[in-house]
Amino acid sequence: MSHLQQNIHAIIRPGEEQGYFAECMEISVVTQGLTLDEVSKNLSEAVSLHLEDADATEFGLVAQPSLAVTFELQPEYA
């Protein structure tokens, strides 16, 4: 039996012009938002919808995986 992952990993990055975008590594989910709160909410909702009628084990995931999020932010230089 193969090992099932507990977490779905996602990265949130600043958008090109404004806001943020998020992308999951294990499943094909991408979303965006104007604020970190909005993109986080959108990401959680998009992952839930993506897995709603699916068998998580098809993606190598446990039945109810957690969402592990990494924020990738560039510091402002003077």
N, C-alpha and C. Protein backbone atom coordinates (compact mmCIF):
# COMPACT_ATOMS: atom_id res chain seq x y z
N MET A 1 0.85 -1.19 0.00
CA MET A 1 0.00 0.00 0.00
C MET A 1 0.89 1.25 0.00
N SER A 2 0.55 2.20 -0.82
CA SER A 2 1.37 3.42 -0.91
C SER A 2 1.05 4.37 0.23
N HIS A 3 1.99 5.24 0.52
CA HIS A 3 1.85 6.23 1.59
C HIS A 3 0.98 7.40 1.11
N LEU A 4 -0.04 7.75 1.86
CA LEU A 4 -0.91 8.88 1.52
C LEU A 4 -0.46 10.12 2.28
N GLN A 5 -0.45 11.24 1.60
CA GLN A 5 -0.01 12.50 2.22
C GLN A 5 -1.10 13.10 3.09
N GLN A 6 -0.68 13.69 4.20
CA GLN A 6 -1.59 14.36 5.13
C GLN A 6 -1.92 15.79 4.67
N ASN A 7 -1.01 16.40 3.90
CA ASN A 7 -1.14 17.82 3.56
C ASN A 7 -1.17 18.06 2.06
N ILE A 8 -1.93 19.07 1.69
CA ILE A 8 -1.86 19.65 0.35
C ILE A 8 -1.00 20.90 0.52
N HIS A 9 0.05 21.01 -0.26
CA HIS A 9 0.96 22.16 -0.15
C HIS A 9 0.58 23.22 -1.18
N ALA A 10 0.54 24.46 -0.72
CA ALA A 10 0.23 25.58 -1.60
C ALA A 10 1.21 26.71 -1.33
N ILE A 11 1.47 27.48 -2.37
CA ILE A 11 2.33 28.66 -2.26
C ILE A 11 1.51 29.89 -2.64
N ILE A 12 1.60 30.92 -1.82
CA ILE A 12 0.96 32.20 -2.12
C ILE A 12 2.07 33.19 -2.45
N ARG A 13 1.94 33.82 -3.61
CA ARG A 13 2.93 34.80 -4.08
C ARG A 13 2.24 36.11 -4.41
N PRO A 14 2.98 37.22 -4.35
CA PRO A 14 2.41 38.49 -4.80
C PRO A 14 2.09 38.43 -6.29
N GLY A 15 0.99 39.08 -6.70
CA GLY A 15 0.63 39.15 -8.11
C GLY A 15 1.55 40.09 -8.86
N GLU A 16 1.50 40.02 -10.17
CA GLU A 16 2.35 40.89 -11.02
C GLU A 16 2.06 42.37 -10.77
N GLU A 17 0.80 42.74 -10.77
CA GLU A 17 0.40 44.15 -10.61
C GLU A 17 -0.11 44.44 -9.20
N GLN A 18 -0.98 43.55 -8.71
CA GLN A 18 -1.58 43.75 -7.39
C GLN A 18 -2.09 42.42 -6.86
N GLY A 19 -2.41 42.40 -5.58
CA GLY A 19 -2.99 41.21 -4.97
C GLY A 19 -2.02 40.04 -4.88
N TYR A 20 -2.58 38.85 -4.75
CA TYR A 20 -1.82 37.63 -4.55
C TYR A 20 -2.42 36.50 -5.37
N PHE A 21 -1.59 35.50 -5.69
CA PHE A 21 -2.13 34.30 -6.31
C PHE A 21 -1.59 33.09 -5.57
N ALA A 22 -2.38 32.03 -5.57
CA ALA A 22 -2.03 30.82 -4.85
C ALA A 22 -2.11 29.63 -5.78
N GLU A 23 -1.20 28.69 -5.59
CA GLU A 23 -1.15 27.49 -6.42
C GLU A 23 -0.85 26.28 -5.54
N CYS A 24 -1.62 25.21 -5.73
CA CYS A 24 -1.39 23.96 -5.01
C CYS A 24 -0.40 23.11 -5.78
N MET A 25 0.39 22.34 -5.05
CA MET A 25 1.40 21.49 -5.67
C MET A 25 0.84 20.12 -6.05
N GLU A 26 0.02 19.53 -5.19
CA GLU A 26 -0.45 18.16 -5.41
C GLU A 26 -1.69 18.06 -6.30
N ILE A 27 -2.50 19.10 -6.31
CA ILE A 27 -3.72 19.10 -7.12
C ILE A 27 -3.76 20.35 -7.97
N SER A 28 -4.52 20.31 -9.05
CA SER A 28 -4.53 21.45 -9.97
C SER A 28 -5.53 22.51 -9.52
N VAL A 29 -5.12 23.28 -8.52
CA VAL A 29 -5.92 24.39 -8.00
C VAL A 29 -5.06 25.64 -8.00
N VAL A 30 -5.60 26.69 -8.63
CA VAL A 30 -4.97 28.00 -8.66
C VAL A 30 -6.06 29.02 -8.39
N THR A 31 -5.76 30.02 -7.57
CA THR A 31 -6.75 31.07 -7.29
C THR A 31 -6.02 32.36 -6.99
N GLN A 32 -6.77 33.43 -6.79
CA GLN A 32 -6.17 34.73 -6.51
C GLN A 32 -7.05 35.53 -5.57
N GLY A 33 -6.52 36.64 -5.06
CA GLY A 33 -7.27 37.55 -4.20
C GLY A 33 -6.50 38.85 -4.05
N LEU A 34 -7.21 39.90 -3.68
CA LEU A 34 -6.57 41.21 -3.53
C LEU A 34 -5.78 41.32 -2.24
N THR A 35 -6.20 40.57 -1.20
CA THR A 35 -5.50 40.60 0.09
C THR A 35 -5.08 39.18 0.46
N LEU A 36 -4.19 39.05 1.45
CA LEU A 36 -3.79 37.72 1.92
C LEU A 36 -4.99 36.98 2.50
N ASP A 37 -5.86 37.68 3.22
CA ASP A 37 -7.06 37.05 3.78
C ASP A 37 -7.95 36.51 2.66
N GLU A 38 -8.14 37.33 1.63
CA GLU A 38 -9.01 36.93 0.52
C GLU A 38 -8.44 35.74 -0.25
N VAL A 39 -7.15 35.77 -0.56
CA VAL A 39 -6.56 34.66 -1.31
C VAL A 39 -6.56 33.38 -0.46
N SER A 40 -6.36 33.50 0.84
CA SER A 40 -6.40 32.33 1.73
C SER A 40 -7.80 31.72 1.75
N LYS A 41 -8.81 32.56 1.87
CA LYS A 41 -10.21 32.10 1.85
C LYS A 41 -10.54 31.45 0.51
N ASN A 42 -10.15 32.09 -0.58
CA ASN A 42 -10.41 31.55 -1.92
C ASN A 42 -9.70 30.21 -2.13
N LEU A 43 -8.48 30.10 -1.61
CA LEU A 43 -7.72 28.87 -1.74
C LEU A 43 -8.41 27.73 -1.00
N SER A 44 -8.80 27.97 0.22
CA SER A 44 -9.48 26.94 1.01
C SER A 44 -10.77 26.49 0.32
N GLU A 45 -11.54 27.45 -0.18
CA GLU A 45 -12.79 27.14 -0.88
C GLU A 45 -12.53 26.36 -2.17
N ALA A 46 -11.52 26.77 -2.94
CA ALA A 46 -11.21 26.10 -4.20
C ALA A 46 -10.76 24.66 -3.98
N VAL A 47 -9.95 24.43 -2.93
CA VAL A 47 -9.50 23.08 -2.62
C VAL A 47 -10.70 22.22 -2.20
N SER A 48 -11.57 22.77 -1.37
CA SER A 48 -12.77 22.03 -0.94
C SER A 48 -13.63 21.65 -2.14
N LEU A 49 -13.85 22.59 -3.04
CA LEU A 49 -14.65 22.31 -4.23
C LEU A 49 -13.99 21.27 -5.13
N HIS A 50 -12.67 21.36 -5.26
CA HIS A 50 -11.92 20.43 -6.12
C HIS A 50 -12.04 18.99 -5.60
N LEU A 51 -12.02 18.84 -4.27
CA LEU A 51 -12.04 17.51 -3.67
C LEU A 51 -13.45 17.04 -3.31
N GLU A 52 -14.44 17.91 -3.48
CA GLU A 52 -15.81 17.65 -3.03
C GLU A 52 -16.35 16.28 -3.47
N ASP A 53 -16.32 15.99 -4.74
CA ASP A 53 -16.86 14.74 -5.25
C ASP A 53 -15.77 13.76 -5.68
N ALA A 54 -14.54 14.04 -5.28
CA ALA A 54 -13.41 13.19 -5.69
C ALA A 54 -12.99 12.28 -4.54
N ASP A 55 -12.29 11.23 -4.90
CA ASP A 55 -11.67 10.35 -3.92
C ASP A 55 -10.26 10.89 -3.70
N ALA A 56 -10.01 11.45 -2.52
CA ALA A 56 -8.72 12.08 -2.23
C ALA A 56 -7.55 11.13 -2.46
N THR A 57 -7.78 9.83 -2.28
CA THR A 57 -6.69 8.87 -2.47
C THR A 57 -6.23 8.82 -3.93
N GLU A 58 -7.09 9.24 -4.86
CA GLU A 58 -6.68 9.32 -6.27
C GLU A 58 -5.55 10.34 -6.46
N PHE A 59 -5.47 11.30 -5.55
CA PHE A 59 -4.43 12.33 -5.59
C PHE A 59 -3.28 12.00 -4.63
N GLY A 60 -3.34 10.80 -4.01
CA GLY A 60 -2.30 10.40 -3.06
C GLY A 60 -2.46 11.06 -1.70
N LEU A 61 -3.72 11.44 -1.37
CA LEU A 61 -4.00 12.16 -0.14
C LEU A 61 -4.88 11.34 0.79
N VAL A 62 -4.78 11.61 2.09
CA VAL A 62 -5.70 11.01 3.06
C VAL A 62 -7.09 11.58 2.81
N ALA A 63 -8.11 10.99 3.45
CA ALA A 63 -9.50 11.37 3.20
C ALA A 63 -9.77 12.86 3.43
N GLN A 64 -9.24 13.43 4.49
CA GLN A 64 -9.46 14.86 4.77
C GLN A 64 -8.11 15.52 5.02
N PRO A 65 -7.38 15.86 3.95
CA PRO A 65 -6.05 16.44 4.11
C PRO A 65 -6.10 17.87 4.63
N SER A 66 -5.01 18.27 5.27
CA SER A 66 -4.85 19.66 5.71
C SER A 66 -4.23 20.46 4.57
N LEU A 67 -4.37 21.76 4.65
CA LEU A 67 -3.80 22.66 3.66
C LEU A 67 -2.61 23.37 4.29
N ALA A 68 -1.39 23.09 3.81
CA ALA A 68 -0.17 23.71 4.31
C ALA A 68 0.22 24.81 3.33
N VAL A 69 0.26 26.05 3.81
CA VAL A 69 0.47 27.20 2.93
C VAL A 69 1.80 27.88 3.24
N THR A 70 2.55 28.18 2.19
CA THR A 70 3.79 28.93 2.30
C THR A 70 3.57 30.28 1.63
N PHE A 71 3.96 31.36 2.31
CA PHE A 71 3.88 32.69 1.73
C PHE A 71 5.25 33.04 1.18
N GLU A 72 5.29 33.44 -0.08
CA GLU A 72 6.54 33.83 -0.71
C GLU A 72 6.48 35.34 -0.95
N LEU A 73 7.17 36.10 -0.11
CA LEU A 73 7.12 37.55 -0.20
C LEU A 73 8.50 38.12 -0.44
N GLN A 74 8.58 39.11 -1.29
CA GLN A 74 9.85 39.80 -1.57
C GLN A 74 9.96 41.02 -0.65
N PRO A 75 11.06 41.14 0.05
CA PRO A 75 11.23 42.34 0.89
C PRO A 75 11.39 43.58 0.02
N GLU A 76 10.97 44.71 0.56
CA GLU A 76 11.13 45.99 -0.15
C GLU A 76 12.53 46.53 0.14
N TYR A 77 13.25 46.86 -0.91
CA TYR A 77 14.58 47.43 -0.75
C TYR A 77 14.53 48.92 -1.08
N ALA A 78 15.24 49.71 -0.29
CA ALA A 78 15.27 51.16 -0.49
C ALA A 78 16.19 51.53 -1.64
